[in-house]
Structures are given as C-alpha cells and as structure tokens.
Amino acid sequence: MGGGHGSGHEGGGDRETEFGWYHAMLRDRFHARWDQPVSILQQGQEYVTLVELQINRSGEVVSASISRSSGNTTMDDSVMAAARRVTRVEPLPEGLGSSSGYKVNIEFKLNRN
C-alpha cells in the first residue's frame, strides 16, 4: 500500500495496521471509479490530489473535499467526480473513528507508467 492512504485518520500507528484492510478497500473502491485524465500527462509530469472523506458509522460517504490540490483543475475535477460516484462503502469496523464517523484522506496519483 502506498503512502498517504489512511493518513489523517484519528489515532496512530497501531490503528493503521489494525484497519489497513479498511483503508485498502476505500482506496480500491474510489480508484475503481476514477476516470484518469491521461491526456494531461507530459513527459516526467506527476499529479497528486488528496481527498478528505467523511464516512458515517453505517458506511455512507457524507462529504468529500480536496485537502491537497494537484495544481491542475482537470486532475482535481476528475478526482472529485470519482469521489461523488462512491456514496456508500462497508460500515466502519468496531474501534475505527468516533460515534459520528471517520475522516480519512485518499491519495490519487497520476503519472506515466
């Protein structure tokens, strides 16, 4: 799993390991709905957008916002479009987040493969 996935969540180190499966599911779910704007890529260019999600206990995605822009509107818009397509995920596992839910950052990286 790459850096940045699950960062910004409440708690620290042991939680990252304990709930790594949940963070991997979130990343996979959102990335599966992302239409990557490969037309904007130029040689050696990399774009990274970080999205903050608020998920309630039942797994409803209640909000999504860009917490770090890539600096490219097309990239950021494509990421927000993906975030809007995912409205529900698995309910929060016991011990993750608070009674009101969970905040997490998901990293979207576009680069030449």
PDB file of N, CA and C in Angstrom:
ATOM      1  N   MET A   1       0.834  -1.174   0.000  1.00  0.00           N
ATOM      2  CA  MET A   1       0.000   0.000   0.000  1.00  0.00           C
ATOM      3  C   MET A   1       0.881   1.240   0.000  1.00  0.00           C
ATOM      4  N   GLY A   2       0.502   2.226  -0.779  1.00  0.00           N
ATOM      5  CA  GLY A   2       1.323   3.414  -0.913  1.00  0.00           C
ATOM      6  C   GLY A   2       1.152   4.363   0.240  1.00  0.00           C
ATOM      7  N   GLY A   3       2.036   5.351   0.302  1.00  0.00           N
ATOM      8  CA  GLY A   3       1.963   6.346   1.360  1.00  0.00           C
ATOM      9  C   GLY A   3       0.745   7.240   1.185  1.00  0.00           C
ATOM     10  N   GLY A   4       0.251   7.735   2.292  1.00  0.00           N
ATOM     11  CA  GLY A   4      -0.857   8.660   2.230  1.00  0.00           C
ATOM     12  C   GLY A   4      -2.211   8.009   2.382  1.00  0.00           C
ATOM     13  N   HIS A   5      -2.312   6.731   2.171  1.00  0.00           N
ATOM     14  CA  HIS A   5      -3.604   6.061   2.269  1.00  0.00           C
ATOM     15  C   HIS A   5      -3.928   5.863   3.737  1.00  0.00           C
ATOM     16  N   GLY A   6      -5.017   6.450   4.140  1.00  0.00           N
ATOM     17  CA  GLY A   6      -5.409   6.352   5.536  1.00  0.00           C
ATOM     18  C   GLY A   6      -4.777   7.413   6.401  1.00  0.00           C
ATOM     19  N   SER A   7      -3.949   8.261   5.843  1.00  0.00           N
ATOM     20  CA  SER A   7      -3.360   9.304   6.668  1.00  0.00           C
ATOM     21  C   SER A   7      -4.429  10.320   7.023  1.00  0.00           C
ATOM     22  N   GLY A   8      -4.235  10.981   8.136  1.00  0.00           N
ATOM     23  CA  GLY A   8      -5.204  11.969   8.552  1.00  0.00           C
ATOM     24  C   GLY A   8      -6.317  11.385   9.387  1.00  0.00           C
ATOM     25  N   HIS A   9      -6.262  10.094   9.658  1.00  0.00           N
ATOM     26  CA  HIS A   9      -7.300   9.490  10.480  1.00  0.00           C
ATOM     27  C   HIS A   9      -6.999   9.695  11.953  1.00  0.00           C
ATOM     28  N   GLU A  10      -8.015   9.462  12.755  1.00  0.00           N
ATOM     29  CA  GLU A  10      -7.833   9.618  14.190  1.00  0.00           C
ATOM     30  C   GLU A  10      -7.009   8.444  14.703  1.00  0.00           C
ATOM     31  N   GLY A  11      -6.169   8.696  15.674  1.00  0.00           N
ATOM     32  CA  GLY A  11      -5.348   7.620  16.222  1.00  0.00           C
ATOM     33  C   GLY A  11      -3.993   7.599  15.567  1.00  0.00           C
ATOM     34  N   GLY A  12      -3.277   6.514  15.782  1.00  0.00           N
ATOM     35  CA  GLY A  12      -1.921   6.470  15.255  1.00  0.00           C
ATOM     36  C   GLY A  12      -1.509   5.113  14.774  1.00  0.00           C
ATOM     37  N   GLY A  13      -0.222   4.834  14.850  1.00  0.00           N
ATOM     38  CA  GLY A  13       0.443   3.693  14.249  1.00  0.00           C
ATOM     39  C   GLY A  13      -0.267   2.357  14.301  1.00  0.00           C
ATOM     40  N   ASP A  14      -0.657   1.885  15.479  1.00  0.00           N
ATOM     41  CA  ASP A  14      -1.271   0.569  15.567  1.00  0.00           C
ATOM     42  C   ASP A  14      -2.601   0.504  14.825  1.00  0.00           C
ATOM     43  N   ARG A  15      -3.317   1.592  14.811  1.00  0.00           N
ATOM     44  CA  ARG A  15      -4.587   1.627  14.089  1.00  0.00           C
ATOM     45  C   ARG A  15      -4.375   1.439  12.600  1.00  0.00           C
ATOM     46  N   GLU A  16      -3.297   2.002  12.063  1.00  0.00           N
ATOM     47  CA  GLU A  16      -3.013   1.868  10.635  1.00  0.00           C
ATOM     48  C   GLU A  16      -2.887   0.393  10.267  1.00  0.00           C
ATOM     49  N   THR A  17      -2.223  -0.384  11.101  1.00  0.00           N
ATOM     50  CA  THR A  17      -2.060  -1.815  10.855  1.00  0.00           C
ATOM     51  C   THR A  17      -3.376  -2.549  11.068  1.00  0.00           C
ATOM     52  N   GLU A  18      -4.021  -2.264  12.174  1.00  0.00           N
ATOM     53  CA  GLU A  18      -5.266  -2.952  12.519  1.00  0.00           C
ATOM     54  C   GLU A  18      -6.358  -2.737  11.478  1.00  0.00           C
ATOM     55  N   PHE A  19      -6.436  -1.533  10.924  1.00  0.00           N
ATOM     56  CA  PHE A  19      -7.503  -1.212   9.980  1.00  0.00           C
ATOM     57  C   PHE A  19      -6.986  -1.041   8.554  1.00  0.00           C
ATOM     58  N   GLY A  20      -5.802  -1.590   8.286  1.00  0.00           N
ATOM     59  CA  GLY A  20      -5.224  -1.494   6.947  1.00  0.00           C
ATOM     60  C   GLY A  20      -6.137  -2.051   5.869  1.00  0.00           C
ATOM     61  N   TRP A  21      -6.837  -3.133   6.174  1.00  0.00           N
ATOM     62  CA  TRP A  21      -7.757  -3.723   5.197  1.00  0.00           C
ATOM     63  C   TRP A  21      -8.867  -2.739   4.825  1.00  0.00           C
ATOM     64  N   TYR A  22      -9.322  -1.951   5.794  1.00  0.00           N
ATOM     65  CA  TYR A  22     -10.404  -0.999   5.530  1.00  0.00           C
ATOM     66  C   TYR A  22      -9.892   0.139   4.643  1.00  0.00           C
ATOM     67  N   HIS A  23      -8.680   0.629   4.934  1.00  0.00           N
ATOM     68  CA  HIS A  23      -8.096   1.684   4.114  1.00  0.00           C
ATOM     69  C   HIS A  23      -7.834   1.188   2.691  1.00  0.00           C
ATOM     70  N   ALA A  24      -7.393  -0.060   2.551  1.00  0.00           N
ATOM     71  CA  ALA A  24      -7.164  -0.631   1.221  1.00  0.00           C
ATOM     72  C   ALA A  24      -8.480  -0.725   0.456  1.00  0.00           C
ATOM     73  N   MET A  25      -9.561  -1.125   1.136  1.00  0.00           N
ATOM     74  CA  MET A  25     -10.875  -1.206   0.498  1.00  0.00           C
ATOM     75  C   MET A  25     -11.301   0.173   0.023  1.00  0.00           C
ATOM     76  N   LEU A  26     -11.118   1.200   0.873  1.00  0.00           N
ATOM     77  CA  LEU A  26     -11.511   2.553   0.483  1.00  0.00           C
ATOM     78  C   LEU A  26     -10.744   3.006  -0.757  1.00  0.00           C
ATOM     79  N   ARG A  27      -9.427   2.827  -0.711  1.00  0.00           N
ATOM     80  CA  ARG A  27      -8.603   3.238  -1.846  1.00  0.00           C
ATOM     81  C   ARG A  27      -9.048   2.525  -3.120  1.00  0.00           C
ATOM     82  N   ASP A  28      -9.223   1.219  -3.043  1.00  0.00           N
ATOM     83  CA  ASP A  28      -9.622   0.445  -4.225  1.00  0.00           C
ATOM     84  C   ASP A  28     -10.990   0.877  -4.744  1.00  0.00           C
ATOM     85  N   ARG A  29     -11.926   1.102  -3.844  1.00  0.00           N
ATOM     86  CA  ARG A  29     -13.283   1.486  -4.235  1.00  0.00           C
ATOM     87  C   ARG A  29     -13.295   2.826  -4.975  1.00  0.00           C
ATOM     88  N   PHE A  30     -12.563   3.801  -4.451  1.00  0.00           N
ATOM     89  CA  PHE A  30     -12.549   5.124  -5.078  1.00  0.00           C
ATOM     90  C   PHE A  30     -11.723   5.130  -6.358  1.00  0.00           C
ATOM     91  N   HIS A  31     -10.606   4.424  -6.364  1.00  0.00           N
ATOM     92  CA  HIS A  31      -9.782   4.371  -7.574  1.00  0.00           C
ATOM     93  C   HIS A  31     -10.494   3.641  -8.708  1.00  0.00           C
ATOM     94  N   ALA A  32     -11.324   2.661  -8.388  1.00  0.00           N
ATOM     95  CA  ALA A  32     -12.067   1.928  -9.414  1.00  0.00           C
ATOM     96  C   ALA A  32     -13.060   2.838 -10.144  1.00  0.00           C
ATOM     97  N   ARG A  33     -13.492   3.905  -9.501  1.00  0.00           N
ATOM     98  CA  ARG A  33     -14.470   4.826 -10.092  1.00  0.00           C
ATOM     99  C   ARG A  33     -13.819   6.065 -10.709  1.00  0.00           C
ATOM    100  N   TRP A  34     -12.484   6.100 -10.731  1.00  0.00           N
ATOM    101  CA  TRP A  34     -11.750   7.262 -11.223  1.00  0.00           C
ATOM    102  C   TRP A  34     -11.413   7.106 -12.696  1.00  0.00           C
ATOM    103  N   ASP A  35     -11.901   8.027 -13.507  1.00  0.00           N
ATOM    104  CA  ASP A  35     -11.524   8.098 -14.921  1.00  0.00           C
ATOM    105  C   ASP A  35     -10.292   8.995 -15.004  1.00  0.00           C
ATOM    106  N   GLN A  36      -9.135   8.374 -15.100  1.00  0.00           N
ATOM    107  CA  GLN A  36      -7.885   9.120 -15.058  1.00  0.00           C
ATOM    108  C   GLN A  36      -7.717   9.995 -16.317  1.00  0.00           C
ATOM    109  N   PRO A  37      -7.418  11.265 -16.121  1.00  0.00           N
ATOM    110  CA  PRO A  37      -7.258  12.186 -17.257  1.00  0.00           C
ATOM    111  C   PRO A  37      -5.868  12.083 -17.877  1.00  0.00           C
ATOM    112  N   VAL A  38      -5.572  10.937 -18.487  1.00  0.00           N
ATOM    113  CA  VAL A  38      -4.218  10.692 -19.006  1.00  0.00           C
ATOM    114  C   VAL A  38      -3.820  11.680 -20.096  1.00  0.00           C
ATOM    115  N   SER A  39      -4.787  12.354 -20.712  1.00  0.00           N
ATOM    116  CA  SER A  39      -4.462  13.314 -21.779  1.00  0.00           C
ATOM    117  C   SER A  39      -3.655  14.508 -21.258  1.00  0.00           C
ATOM    118  N   ILE A  40      -3.685  14.763 -19.950  1.00  0.00           N
ATOM    119  CA  ILE A  40      -2.948  15.911 -19.408  1.00  0.00           C
ATOM    120  C   ILE A  40      -1.486  15.596 -19.115  1.00  0.00           C
ATOM    121  N   LEU A  41      -1.125  14.311 -19.180  1.00  0.00           N
ATOM    122  CA  LEU A  41       0.247  13.923 -18.843  1.00  0.00           C
ATOM    123  C   LEU A  41       1.252  14.398 -19.872  1.00  0.00           C
ATOM    124  N   GLN A  42       2.367  14.860 -19.370  1.00  0.00           N
ATOM    125  CA  GLN A  42       3.512  15.201 -20.198  1.00  0.00           C
ATOM    126  C   GLN A  42       4.697  14.429 -19.643  1.00  0.00           C
ATOM    127  N   GLN A  43       5.723  14.303 -20.430  1.00  0.00           N
ATOM    128  CA  GLN A  43       6.903  13.558 -20.005  1.00  0.00           C
ATOM    129  C   GLN A  43       7.406  14.043 -18.650  1.00  0.00           C
ATOM    130  N   GLY A  44       7.563  13.122 -17.715  1.00  0.00           N
ATOM    131  CA  GLY A  44       8.112  13.445 -16.409  1.00  0.00           C
ATOM    132  C   GLY A  44       7.147  14.135 -15.459  1.00  0.00           C
ATOM    133  N   GLN A  45       5.929  14.379 -15.871  1.00  0.00           N
ATOM    134  CA  GLN A  45       4.953  15.081 -15.039  1.00  0.00           C
ATOM    135  C   GLN A  45       4.228  14.100 -14.123  1.00  0.00           C
ATOM    136  N   GLU A  46       3.939  14.547 -12.917  1.00  0.00           N
ATOM    137  CA  GLU A  46       3.163  13.743 -11.974  1.00  0.00           C
ATOM    138  C   GLU A  46       2.160  14.657 -11.284  1.00  0.00           C
ATOM    139  N   TYR A  47       0.940  14.176 -11.147  1.00  0.00           N
ATOM    140  CA  TYR A  47      -0.095  14.932 -10.447  1.00  0.00           C
ATOM    141  C   TYR A  47      -0.585  14.106  -9.268  1.00  0.00           C
ATOM    142  N   VAL A  48      -0.735  14.747  -8.117  1.00  0.00           N
ATOM    143  CA  VAL A  48      -1.222  14.067  -6.920  1.00  0.00           C
ATOM    144  C   VAL A  48      -2.294  14.946  -6.278  1.00  0.00           C
ATOM    145  N   THR A  49      -3.464  14.373  -6.074  1.00  0.00           N
ATOM    146  CA  THR A  49      -4.567  15.055  -5.405  1.00  0.00           C
ATOM    147  C   THR A  49      -4.929  14.247  -4.173  1.00  0.00           C
ATOM    148  N   LEU A  50      -5.133  14.921  -3.068  1.00  0.00           N
ATOM    149  CA  LEU A  50      -5.525  14.267  -1.823  1.00  0.00           C
ATOM    150  C   LEU A  50      -6.957  14.688  -1.496  1.00  0.00           C
ATOM    151  N   VAL A  51      -7.820  13.692  -1.290  1.00  0.00           N
ATOM    152  CA  VAL A  51      -9.227  13.940  -0.986  1.00  0.00           C
ATOM    153  C   VAL A  51      -9.518  13.512   0.441  1.00  0.00           C
ATOM    154  N   GLU A  52     -10.196  14.377   1.187  1.00  0.00           N
ATOM    155  CA  GLU A  52     -10.624  14.034   2.537  1.00  0.00           C
ATOM    156  C   GLU A  52     -12.080  13.585   2.486  1.00  0.00           C
ATOM    157  N   LEU A  53     -12.334  12.411   3.050  1.00  0.00           N
ATOM    158  CA  LEU A  53     -13.678  11.850   3.097  1.00  0.00           C
ATOM    159  C   LEU A  53     -14.174  11.815   4.524  1.00  0.00           C
ATOM    160  N   GLN A  54     -15.455  12.039   4.696  1.00  0.00           N
ATOM    161  CA  GLN A  54     -16.118  11.842   5.985  1.00  0.00           C
ATOM    162  C   GLN A  54     -17.110  10.704   5.764  1.00  0.00           C
ATOM    163  N   ILE A  55     -16.944   9.631   6.532  1.00  0.00           N
ATOM    164  CA  ILE A  55     -17.778   8.438   6.402  1.00  0.00           C
ATOM    165  C   ILE A  55     -18.495   8.218   7.720  1.00  0.00           C
ATOM    166  N   ASN A  56     -19.827   8.012   7.666  1.00  0.00           N
ATOM    167  CA  ASN A  56     -20.534   7.772   8.925  1.00  0.00           C
ATOM    168  C   ASN A  56     -20.437   6.298   9.301  1.00  0.00           C
ATOM    169  N   ARG A  57     -20.900   5.944  10.476  1.00  0.00           N
ATOM    170  CA  ARG A  57     -20.736   4.580  11.005  1.00  0.00           C
ATOM    171  C   ARG A  57     -21.332   3.520  10.090  1.00  0.00           C
ATOM    172  N   SER A  58     -22.420   3.834   9.386  1.00  0.00           N
ATOM    173  CA  SER A  58     -23.066   2.843   8.523  1.00  0.00           C
ATOM    174  C   SER A  58     -22.393   2.705   7.159  1.00  0.00           C
ATOM    175  N   GLY A  59     -21.383   3.540   6.887  1.00  0.00           N
ATOM    176  CA  GLY A  59     -20.649   3.434   5.630  1.00  0.00           C
ATOM    177  C   GLY A  59     -21.071   4.433   4.569  1.00  0.00           C
ATOM    178  N   GLU A  60     -21.962   5.357   4.915  1.00  0.00           N
ATOM    179  CA  GLU A  60     -22.360   6.387   3.962  1.00  0.00           C
ATOM    180  C   GLU A  60     -21.268   7.448   3.883  1.00  0.00           C
ATOM    181  N   VAL A  61     -20.887   7.807   2.655  1.00  0.00           N
ATOM    182  CA  VAL A  61     -19.903   8.867   2.451  1.00  0.00           C
ATOM    183  C   VAL A  61     -20.676  10.185   2.514  1.00  0.00           C
ATOM    184  N   VAL A  62     -20.502  10.917   3.611  1.00  0.00           N
ATOM    185  CA  VAL A  62     -21.286  12.129   3.827  1.00  0.00           C
ATOM    186  C   VAL A  62     -20.640  13.374   3.230  1.00  0.00           C
ATOM    187  N   SER A  63     -19.331  13.363   3.035  1.00  0.00           N
ATOM    188  CA  SER A  63     -18.690  14.502   2.375  1.00  0.00           C
ATOM    189  C   SER A  63     -17.347  14.090   1.787  1.00  0.00           C
ATOM    190  N   ALA A  64     -16.959  14.845   0.772  1.00  0.00           N
ATOM    191  CA  ALA A  64     -15.655  14.672   0.136  1.00  0.00           C
ATOM    192  C   ALA A  64     -15.170  16.043  -0.283  1.00  0.00           C
ATOM    193  N   SER A  65     -13.915  16.329   0.005  1.00  0.00           N
ATOM    194  CA  SER A  65     -13.348  17.616  -0.395  1.00  0.00           C
ATOM    195  C   SER A  65     -11.855  17.430  -0.669  1.00  0.00           C
ATOM    196  N   ILE A  66     -11.323  18.303  -1.492  1.00  0.00           N
ATOM    197  CA  ILE A  66      -9.896  18.239  -1.804  1.00  0.00           C
ATOM    198  C   ILE A  66      -9.131  18.861  -0.643  1.00  0.00           C
ATOM    199  N   SER A  67      -8.256  18.074  -0.042  1.00  0.00           N
ATOM    200  CA  SER A  67      -7.434  18.595   1.046  1.00  0.00           C
ATOM    201  C   SER A  67      -6.058  19.033   0.544  1.00  0.00           C
ATOM    202  N   ARG A  68      -5.647  18.521  -0.624  1.00  0.00           N
ATOM    203  CA  ARG A  68      -4.417  18.998  -1.278  1.00  0.00           C
ATOM    204  C   ARG A  68      -4.606  18.895  -2.785  1.00  0.00           C
ATOM    205  N   SER A  69      -4.581  20.020  -3.440  1.00  0.00           N
ATOM    206  CA  SER A  69      -4.768  20.075  -4.889  1.00  0.00           C
ATOM    207  C   SER A  69      -3.508  19.619  -5.621  1.00  0.00           C
ATOM    208  N   SER A  70      -3.714  19.079  -6.807  1.00  0.00           N
ATOM    209  CA  SER A  70      -2.590  18.713  -7.671  1.00  0.00           C
ATOM    210  C   SER A  70      -2.028  19.938  -8.375  1.00  0.00           C
ATOM    211  N   GLY A  71      -2.790  21.027  -8.374  1.00  0.00           N
ATOM    212  CA  GLY A  71      -2.398  22.209  -9.121  1.00  0.00           C
ATOM    213  C   GLY A  71      -2.948  22.211 -10.538  1.00  0.00           C
ATOM    214  N   ASN A  72      -3.694  21.154 -10.883  1.00  0.00           N
ATOM    215  CA  ASN A  72      -4.276  21.043 -12.210  1.00  0.00           C
ATOM    216  C   ASN A  72      -5.781  20.830 -12.059  1.00  0.00           C
ATOM    217  N   THR A  73      -6.575  21.739 -12.626  1.00  0.00           N
ATOM    218  CA  THR A  73      -8.028  21.687 -12.481  1.00  0.00           C
ATOM    219  C   THR A  73      -8.619  20.403 -13.063  1.00  0.00           C
ATOM    220  N   THR A  74      -8.133  19.959 -14.218  1.00  0.00           N
ATOM    221  CA  THR A  74      -8.653  18.741 -14.840  1.00  0.00           C
ATOM    222  C   THR A  74      -8.430  17.535 -13.932  1.00  0.00           C
ATOM    223  N   MET A  75      -7.253  17.440 -13.370  1.00  0.00           N
ATOM    224  CA  MET A  75      -6.937  16.345 -12.448  1.00  0.00           C
ATOM    225  C   MET A  75      -7.852  16.402 -11.231  1.00  0.00           C
ATOM    226  N   ASP A  76      -7.915  17.561 -10.582  1.00  0.00           N
ATOM    227  CA  ASP A  76      -8.730  17.699  -9.375  1.00  0.00           C
ATOM    228  C   ASP A  76     -10.207  17.423  -9.666  1.00  0.00           C
ATOM    229  N   ASP A  77     -10.707  17.905 -10.794  1.00  0.00           N
ATOM    230  CA  ASP A  77     -12.111  17.653 -11.157  1.00  0.00           C
ATOM    231  C   ASP A  77     -12.378  16.170 -11.373  1.00  0.00           C
ATOM    232  N   SER A  78     -11.423  15.459 -11.975  1.00  0.00           N
ATOM    233  CA  SER A  78     -11.612  14.018 -12.215  1.00  0.00           C
ATOM    234  C   SER A  78     -11.665  13.254 -10.896  1.00  0.00           C
ATOM    235  N   VAL A  79     -10.854  13.684  -9.941  1.00  0.00           N
ATOM    236  CA  VAL A  79     -10.841  13.044  -8.623  1.00  0.00           C
ATOM    237  C   VAL A  79     -12.148  13.309  -7.883  1.00  0.00           C
ATOM    238  N   MET A  80     -12.629  14.538  -7.930  1.00  0.00           N
ATOM    239  CA  MET A  80     -13.896  14.847  -7.260  1.00  0.00           C
ATOM    240  C   MET A  80     -15.064  14.115  -7.925  1.00  0.00           C
ATOM    241  N   ALA A  81     -15.006  13.934  -9.227  1.00  0.00           N
ATOM    242  CA  ALA A  81     -16.051  13.166  -9.918  1.00  0.00           C
ATOM    243  C   ALA A  81     -16.063  11.726  -9.398  1.00  0.00           C
ATOM    244  N   ALA A  82     -14.889  11.140  -9.215  1.00  0.00           N
ATOM    245  CA  ALA A  82     -14.801   9.785  -8.658  1.00  0.00           C
ATOM    246  C   ALA A  82     -15.360   9.755  -7.247  1.00  0.00           C
ATOM    247  N   ALA A  83     -15.015  10.749  -6.452  1.00  0.00           N
ATOM    248  CA  ALA A  83     -15.488  10.807  -5.063  1.00  0.00           C
ATOM    249  C   ALA A  83     -17.009  10.895  -5.006  1.00  0.00           C
ATOM    250  N   ARG A  84     -17.618  11.615  -5.941  1.00  0.00           N
ATOM    251  CA  ARG A  84     -19.084  11.730  -5.962  1.00  0.00           C
ATOM    252  C   ARG A  84     -19.761  10.440  -6.399  1.00  0.00           C
ATOM    253  N   ARG A  85     -19.057   9.596  -7.146  1.00  0.00           N
ATOM    254  CA  ARG A  85     -19.643   8.339  -7.631  1.00  0.00           C
ATOM    255  C   ARG A  85     -19.764   7.286  -6.525  1.00  0.00           C
ATOM    256  N   VAL A  86     -18.966   7.417  -5.484  1.00  0.00           N
ATOM    257  CA  VAL A  86     -18.996   6.454  -4.385  1.00  0.00           C
ATOM    258  C   VAL A  86     -19.773   7.089  -3.235  1.00  0.00           C
ATOM    259  N   THR A  87     -20.961   6.579  -2.981  1.00  0.00           N
ATOM    260  CA  THR A  87     -21.801   7.168  -1.936  1.00  0.00           C
ATOM    261  C   THR A  87     -21.890   6.289  -0.697  1.00  0.00           C
ATOM    262  N   ARG A  88     -21.482   5.026  -0.836  1.00  0.00           N
ATOM    263  CA  ARG A  88     -21.556   4.103   0.292  1.00  0.00           C
ATOM    264  C   ARG A  88     -20.419   3.091   0.194  1.00  0.00           C
ATOM    265  N   VAL A  89     -19.849   2.767   1.354  1.00  0.00           N
ATOM    266  CA  VAL A  89     -18.806   1.749   1.463  1.00  0.00           C
ATOM    267  C   VAL A  89     -19.200   0.821   2.618  1.00  0.00           C
ATOM    268  N   GLU A  90     -18.333  -0.136   2.939  1.00  0.00           N
ATOM    269  CA  GLU A  90     -18.613  -1.013   4.059  1.00  0.00           C
ATOM    270  C   GLU A  90     -18.730  -0.199   5.349  1.00  0.00           C
ATOM    271  N   PRO A  91     -19.615  -0.623   6.260  1.00  0.00           N
ATOM    272  CA  PRO A  91     -19.728   0.089   7.552  1.00  0.00           C
ATOM    273  C   PRO A  91     -18.380   0.107   8.266  1.00  0.00           C
ATOM    274  N   LEU A  92     -18.197   1.129   9.093  1.00  0.00           N
ATOM    275  CA  LEU A  92     -16.940   1.240   9.834  1.00  0.00           C
ATOM    276  C   LEU A  92     -16.775   0.051  10.767  1.00  0.00           C
ATOM    277  N   PRO A  93     -15.575  -0.525  10.801  1.00  0.00           N
ATOM    278  CA  PRO A  93     -15.330  -1.607  11.748  1.00  0.00           C
ATOM    279  C   PRO A  93     -15.325  -1.068  13.180  1.00  0.00           C
ATOM    280  N   GLU A  94     -15.667  -1.926  14.101  1.00  0.00           N
ATOM    281  CA  GLU A  94     -15.666  -1.553  15.522  1.00  0.00           C
ATOM    282  C   GLU A  94     -14.286  -1.032  15.908  1.00  0.00           C
ATOM    283  N   GLY A  95     -14.253   0.106  16.579  1.00  0.00           N
ATOM    284  CA  GLY A  95     -12.989   0.667  17.048  1.00  0.00           C
ATOM    285  C   GLY A  95     -12.377   1.693  16.111  1.00  0.00           C
ATOM    286  N   LEU A  96     -12.956   1.893  14.929  1.00  0.00           N
ATOM    287  CA  LEU A  96     -12.428   2.867  13.980  1.00  0.00           C
ATOM    288  C   LEU A  96     -13.314   4.108  13.991  1.00  0.00           C
ATOM    289  N   GLY A  97     -12.700   5.270  14.114  1.00  0.00           N
ATOM    290  CA  GLY A  97     -13.453   6.513  14.099  1.00  0.00           C
ATOM    291  C   GLY A  97     -14.101   6.805  15.434  1.00  0.00           C
ATOM    292  N   SER A  98     -15.124   7.636  15.378  1.00  0.00           N
ATOM    293  CA  SER A  98     -15.852   8.029  16.580  1.00  0.00           C
ATOM    294  C   SER A  98     -17.330   7.709  16.381  1.00  0.00           C
ATOM    295  N   SER A  99     -18.152   8.107  17.324  1.00  0.00           N
ATOM    296  CA  SER A  99     -19.581   7.835  17.204  1.00  0.00           C
ATOM    297  C   SER A  99     -20.190   8.547  15.994  1.00  0.00           C
ATOM    298  N   SER A 100     -19.588   9.659  15.580  1.00  0.00           N
ATOM    299  CA  SER A 100     -20.130  10.393  14.439  1.00  0.00           C
ATOM    300  C   SER A 100     -19.546   9.927  13.105  1.00  0.00           C
ATOM    301  N   GLY A 101     -18.486   9.150  13.122  1.00  0.00           N
ATOM    302  CA  GLY A 101     -17.925   8.657  11.872  1.00  0.00           C
ATOM    303  C   GLY A 101     -16.417   8.717  11.835  1.00  0.00           C
ATOM    304  N   TYR A 102     -15.891   8.870  10.619  1.00  0.00           N
ATOM    305  CA  TYR A 102     -14.457   8.725  10.393  1.00  0.00           C
ATOM    306  C   TYR A 102     -14.022   9.648   9.256  1.00  0.00           C
ATOM    307  N   LYS A 103     -12.921  10.353   9.460  1.00  0.00           N
ATOM    308  CA  LYS A 103     -12.309  11.166   8.409  1.00  0.00           C
ATOM    309  C   LYS A 103     -11.051  10.461   7.931  1.00  0.00           C
ATOM    310  N   VAL A 104     -10.882  10.410   6.619  1.00  0.00           N
ATOM    311  CA  VAL A 104      -9.710   9.760   6.053  1.00  0.00           C
ATOM    312  C   VAL A 104      -9.328  10.466   4.756  1.00  0.00           C
ATOM    313  N   ASN A 105      -8.040  10.457   4.437  1.00  0.00           N
ATOM    314  CA  ASN A 105      -7.543  11.010   3.181  1.00  0.00           C
ATOM    315  C   ASN A 105      -7.205   9.879   2.226  1.00  0.00           C
ATOM    316  N   ILE A 106      -7.593  10.062   0.966  1.00  0.00           N
ATOM    317  CA  ILE A 106      -7.250   9.109  -0.096  1.00  0.00           C
ATOM    318  C   ILE A 106      -6.412   9.860  -1.115  1.00  0.00           C
ATOM    319  N   GLU A 107      -5.284   9.268  -1.498  1.00  0.00           N
ATOM    320  CA  GLU A 107      -4.385   9.880  -2.465  1.00  0.00           C
ATOM    321  C   GLU A 107      -4.656   9.335  -3.862  1.00  0.00           C
ATOM    322  N   PHE A 108      -4.745  10.243  -4.823  1.00  0.00           N
ATOM    323  CA  PHE A 108      -4.894   9.889  -6.226  1.00  0.00           C
ATOM    324  C   PHE A 108      -3.656  10.402  -6.941  1.00  0.00           C
ATOM    325  N   LYS A 109      -2.921   9.501  -7.573  1.00  0.00           N
ATOM    326  CA  LYS A 109      -1.669   9.880  -8.237  1.00  0.00           C
ATOM    327  C   LYS A 109      -1.753   9.505  -9.711  1.00  0.00           C
ATOM    328  N   LEU A 110      -1.476  10.482 -10.550  1.00  0.00           N
ATOM    329  CA  LEU A 110      -1.478  10.283 -11.996  1.00  0.00           C
ATOM    330  C   LEU A 110      -0.060  10.502 -12.489  1.00  0.00           C
ATOM    331  N   ASN A 111       0.521   9.459 -13.098  1.00  0.00           N
ATOM    332  CA  ASN A 111       1.859   9.599 -13.669  1.00  0.00           C
ATOM    333  C   ASN A 111       2.017   8.616 -14.805  1.00  0.00           C
ATOM    334  N   ARG A 112       3.037   8.822 -15.594  1.00  0.00           N
ATOM    335  CA  ARG A 112       3.312   7.909 -16.720  1.00  0.00           C
ATOM    336  C   ARG A 112       3.768   6.564 -16.178  1.00  0.00           C
ATOM    337  N   ASN A 113       3.133   5.510 -16.675  1.00  0.00           N
ATOM    338  CA  ASN A 113       3.537   4.146 -16.276  1.00  0.00           C
ATOM    339  C   ASN A 113       4.410   3.531 -17.329  1.00  0.00           C
TER     340      ASN A 113
END
